[in-house]
Amino acid sequence: QVQVVESGGGLVQPGGSLRLSCTASGSIFSINAMGWSRQAPGKEREEVANITSTGSTKYLDSVKGRFTISRDNAKNTVYPQMNSLKPEDTAVYYCNADVNSIYRQHFWGRGTQVTVSS
């Protein structure tokens, strides 16, 4: 069994920063890509950032230049650093991991709330 757990959400003022983290644990042989998606009330879930095992990254256009994702392969952990936050970044942020276990499977965390408000 594999668990994906996020942490680091909270309330921040516009222009502020937050650093989230996400760790995958359990019966893991290796992890391919890890990433973050978000879902705001009344909107569809969208992928925010993604990082492969070799460090290649992709970002949603609206967060480019503000968000940076990094990864510690030894800890099976990713760290999205979110700067210059805007009210429209308010959402539940979900971590996901493409895991090689007994089978190759995709796992999701339960999400962490990020609220950007003055």
C-alpha atoms as a PDB file:
ATOM      1  CA  GLN A   1       0.000   0.000   0.000  1.00  0.00           C
ATOM      2  CA  VAL A   2       1.164   3.535  -0.771  1.00  0.00           C
ATOM      3  CA  GLN A   3       0.250   6.731   1.056  1.00  0.00           C
ATOM      4  CA  VAL A   4       0.639  10.272  -0.220  1.00  0.00           C
ATOM      5  CA  VAL A   5       0.467  12.974   2.445  1.00  0.00           C
ATOM      6  CA  GLU A   6       0.522  16.739   1.947  1.00  0.00           C
ATOM      7  CA  SER A   7       1.344  19.434   4.484  1.00  0.00           C
ATOM      8  CA  GLY A   8       1.995  23.160   4.646  1.00  0.00           C
ATOM      9  CA  GLY A   9      -1.270  24.746   3.608  1.00  0.00           C
ATOM     10  CA  GLY A  10      -2.837  27.682   5.384  1.00  0.00           C
ATOM     11  CA  LEU A  11      -3.904  31.300   5.182  1.00  0.00           C
ATOM     12  CA  VAL A  12      -1.565  33.837   3.602  1.00  0.00           C
ATOM     13  CA  GLN A  13      -1.949  37.452   2.500  1.00  0.00           C
ATOM     14  CA  PRO A  14      -1.752  38.420  -1.171  1.00  0.00           C
ATOM     15  CA  GLY A  15       1.878  38.711  -2.204  1.00  0.00           C
ATOM     16  CA  GLY A  16       2.951  36.263   0.458  1.00  0.00           C
ATOM     17  CA  SER A  17       4.608  32.866   0.202  1.00  0.00           C
ATOM     18  CA  LEU A  18       3.919  29.297   1.250  1.00  0.00           C
ATOM     19  CA  ARG A  19       5.986  26.156   0.987  1.00  0.00           C
ATOM     20  CA  LEU A  20       4.056  22.927   0.736  1.00  0.00           C
ATOM     21  CA  SER A  21       5.452  19.441   0.998  1.00  0.00           C
ATOM     22  CA  CYS A  22       4.284  16.019  -0.058  1.00  0.00           C
ATOM     23  CA  THR A  23       5.717  12.641   0.856  1.00  0.00           C
ATOM     24  CA  ALA A  24       4.930   9.267  -0.637  1.00  0.00           C
ATOM     25  CA  SER A  25       5.532   6.234   1.562  1.00  0.00           C
ATOM     26  CA  GLY A  26       4.814   2.533   1.649  1.00  0.00           C
ATOM     27  CA  SER A  27       5.531  -0.270  -0.796  1.00  0.00           C
ATOM     28  CA  ILE A  28       7.464   1.798  -3.328  1.00  0.00           C
ATOM     29  CA  PHE A  29      10.125   0.535  -5.702  1.00  0.00           C
ATOM     30  CA  SER A  30      10.547   3.887  -7.389  1.00  0.00           C
ATOM     31  CA  ILE A  31       8.583   6.995  -8.278  1.00  0.00           C
ATOM     32  CA  ASN A  32       8.280   8.454 -11.729  1.00  0.00           C
ATOM     33  CA  ALA A  33       6.696  11.901 -11.757  1.00  0.00           C
ATOM     34  CA  MET A  34       5.247  13.709  -8.751  1.00  0.00           C
ATOM     35  CA  GLY A  35       3.045  16.726  -9.007  1.00  0.00           C
ATOM     36  CA  TRP A  36       0.442  19.053  -7.598  1.00  0.00           C
ATOM     37  CA  SER A  37      -3.015  19.918  -8.788  1.00  0.00           C
ATOM     38  CA  ARG A  38      -5.551  22.308  -7.317  1.00  0.00           C
ATOM     39  CA  GLN A  39      -9.285  22.704  -7.253  1.00  0.00           C
ATOM     40  CA  ALA A  40     -11.057  25.920  -6.390  1.00  0.00           C
ATOM     41  CA  PRO A  41     -14.751  25.994  -5.433  1.00  0.00           C
ATOM     42  CA  GLY A  42     -16.938  25.591  -8.503  1.00  0.00           C
ATOM     43  CA  LYS A  43     -13.981  24.921 -10.788  1.00  0.00           C
ATOM     44  CA  GLU A  44     -12.392  21.844 -12.289  1.00  0.00           C
ATOM     45  CA  ARG A  45      -9.143  20.443 -10.944  1.00  0.00           C
ATOM     46  CA  GLU A  46      -6.090  21.725 -12.805  1.00  0.00           C
ATOM     47  CA  GLU A  47      -2.486  20.579 -12.751  1.00  0.00           C
ATOM     48  CA  VAL A  48      -0.233  23.214 -11.240  1.00  0.00           C
ATOM     49  CA  ALA A  49       3.236  21.708 -11.369  1.00  0.00           C
ATOM     50  CA  ASN A  50       4.933  18.426 -12.137  1.00  0.00           C
ATOM     51  CA  ILE A  51       8.474  17.101 -11.695  1.00  0.00           C
ATOM     52  CA  THR A  52       9.974  13.901 -13.065  1.00  0.00           C
ATOM     53  CA  SER A  53      12.511  11.652 -11.364  1.00  0.00           C
ATOM     54  CA  THR A  54      15.243  13.353 -13.400  1.00  0.00           C
ATOM     55  CA  GLY A  55      14.135  16.842 -12.385  1.00  0.00           C
ATOM     56  CA  SER A  56      12.266  17.990 -15.472  1.00  0.00           C
ATOM     57  CA  THR A  57       9.469  20.357 -14.526  1.00  0.00           C
ATOM     58  CA  LYS A  58       6.224  21.664 -15.993  1.00  0.00           C
ATOM     59  CA  TYR A  59       4.085  24.505 -14.697  1.00  0.00           C
ATOM     60  CA  LEU A  60       0.620  25.873 -15.280  1.00  0.00           C
ATOM     61  CA  ASP A  61       0.992  29.104 -17.249  1.00  0.00           C
ATOM     62  CA  SER A  62      -0.629  31.204 -14.524  1.00  0.00           C
ATOM     63  CA  VAL A  63       1.960  30.155 -11.914  1.00  0.00           C
ATOM     64  CA  LYS A  64       5.119  30.312 -14.030  1.00  0.00           C
ATOM     65  CA  GLY A  65       7.671  32.598 -12.429  1.00  0.00           C
ATOM     66  CA  ARG A  66       5.890  32.425  -9.076  1.00  0.00           C
ATOM     67  CA  PHE A  67       5.873  28.737  -8.173  1.00  0.00           C
ATOM     68  CA  THR A  68       8.882  26.426  -8.082  1.00  0.00           C
ATOM     69  CA  ILE A  69       8.742  22.684  -7.511  1.00  0.00           C
ATOM     70  CA  SER A  70      11.698  20.697  -6.225  1.00  0.00           C
ATOM     71  CA  ARG A  71      12.149  17.091  -5.272  1.00  0.00           C
ATOM     72  CA  ASP A  72      14.165  14.966  -2.847  1.00  0.00           C
ATOM     73  CA  ASN A  73      14.232  11.508  -4.414  1.00  0.00           C
ATOM     74  CA  ALA A  74      15.812   9.918  -1.334  1.00  0.00           C
ATOM     75  CA  LYS A  75      12.848  11.065   0.753  1.00  0.00           C
ATOM     76  CA  ASN A  76      10.169  10.573  -1.932  1.00  0.00           C
ATOM     77  CA  THR A  77       9.183  14.168  -1.231  1.00  0.00           C
ATOM     78  CA  VAL A  78       8.332  17.166  -3.386  1.00  0.00           C
ATOM     79  CA  TYR A  79       8.299  20.789  -2.275  1.00  0.00           C
ATOM     80  CA  PRO A  80       6.297  23.389  -4.162  1.00  0.00           C
ATOM     81  CA  GLN A  81       7.465  26.862  -3.199  1.00  0.00           C
ATOM     82  CA  MET A  82       4.679  29.335  -3.907  1.00  0.00           C
ATOM     83  CA  ASN A  83       5.602  33.021  -4.035  1.00  0.00           C
ATOM     84  CA  SER A  84       3.704  36.181  -4.920  1.00  0.00           C
ATOM     85  CA  LEU A  85       0.457  34.448  -4.089  1.00  0.00           C
ATOM     86  CA  LYS A  86      -2.785  35.860  -5.458  1.00  0.00           C
ATOM     87  CA  PRO A  87      -6.383  35.429  -4.284  1.00  0.00           C
ATOM     88  CA  GLU A  88      -7.022  33.334  -7.397  1.00  0.00           C
ATOM     89  CA  ASP A  89      -4.494  30.800  -6.089  1.00  0.00           C
ATOM     90  CA  THR A  90      -6.968  29.924  -3.340  1.00  0.00           C
ATOM     91  CA  ALA A  91      -7.845  26.254  -3.682  1.00  0.00           C
ATOM     92  CA  VAL A  92      -7.383  22.803  -2.227  1.00  0.00           C
ATOM     93  CA  TYR A  93      -3.999  21.576  -3.406  1.00  0.00           C
ATOM     94  CA  TYR A  94      -3.593  17.864  -4.084  1.00  0.00           C
ATOM     95  CA  CYS A  95      -0.328  15.971  -4.450  1.00  0.00           C
ATOM     96  CA  ASN A  96      -0.018  12.991  -6.748  1.00  0.00           C
ATOM     97  CA  ALA A  97       2.651  10.399  -7.391  1.00  0.00           C
ATOM     98  CA  ASP A  98       3.204   8.007 -10.299  1.00  0.00           C
ATOM     99  CA  VAL A  99       4.559   5.033  -8.367  1.00  0.00           C
ATOM    100  CA  ASN A 100       6.240   1.801  -9.398  1.00  0.00           C
ATOM    101  CA  SER A 101       5.079  -0.646  -6.738  1.00  0.00           C
ATOM    102  CA  ILE A 102       3.886  -4.180  -7.447  1.00  0.00           C
ATOM    103  CA  TYR A 103       2.166  -2.462 -10.344  1.00  0.00           C
ATOM    104  CA  ARG A 104       2.583   1.007 -11.727  1.00  0.00           C
ATOM    105  CA  GLN A 105      -0.176   3.121 -10.142  1.00  0.00           C
ATOM    106  CA  HIS A 106      -1.127   6.716  -9.600  1.00  0.00           C
ATOM    107  CA  PHE A 107      -1.788   7.813  -6.015  1.00  0.00           C
ATOM    108  CA  TRP A 108      -3.342  11.005  -4.661  1.00  0.00           C
ATOM    109  CA  GLY A 109      -3.198  12.727  -1.328  1.00  0.00           C
ATOM    110  CA  ARG A 110      -6.244  14.073   0.494  1.00  0.00           C
ATOM    111  CA  GLY A 111      -5.370  17.691  -0.191  1.00  0.00           C
ATOM    112  CA  THR A 112      -4.391  20.758   1.784  1.00  0.00           C
ATOM    113  CA  GLN A 113      -6.240  24.077   1.778  1.00  0.00           C
ATOM    114  CA  VAL A 114      -4.432  27.206   0.620  1.00  0.00           C
ATOM    115  CA  THR A 115      -6.293  30.469   1.155  1.00  0.00           C
ATOM    116  CA  VAL A 116      -4.913  33.777  -0.103  1.00  0.00           C
ATOM    117  CA  SER A 117      -6.788  36.645   1.467  1.00  0.00           C
ATOM    118  CA  SER A 118      -6.225  39.908   3.274  1.00  0.00           C
END
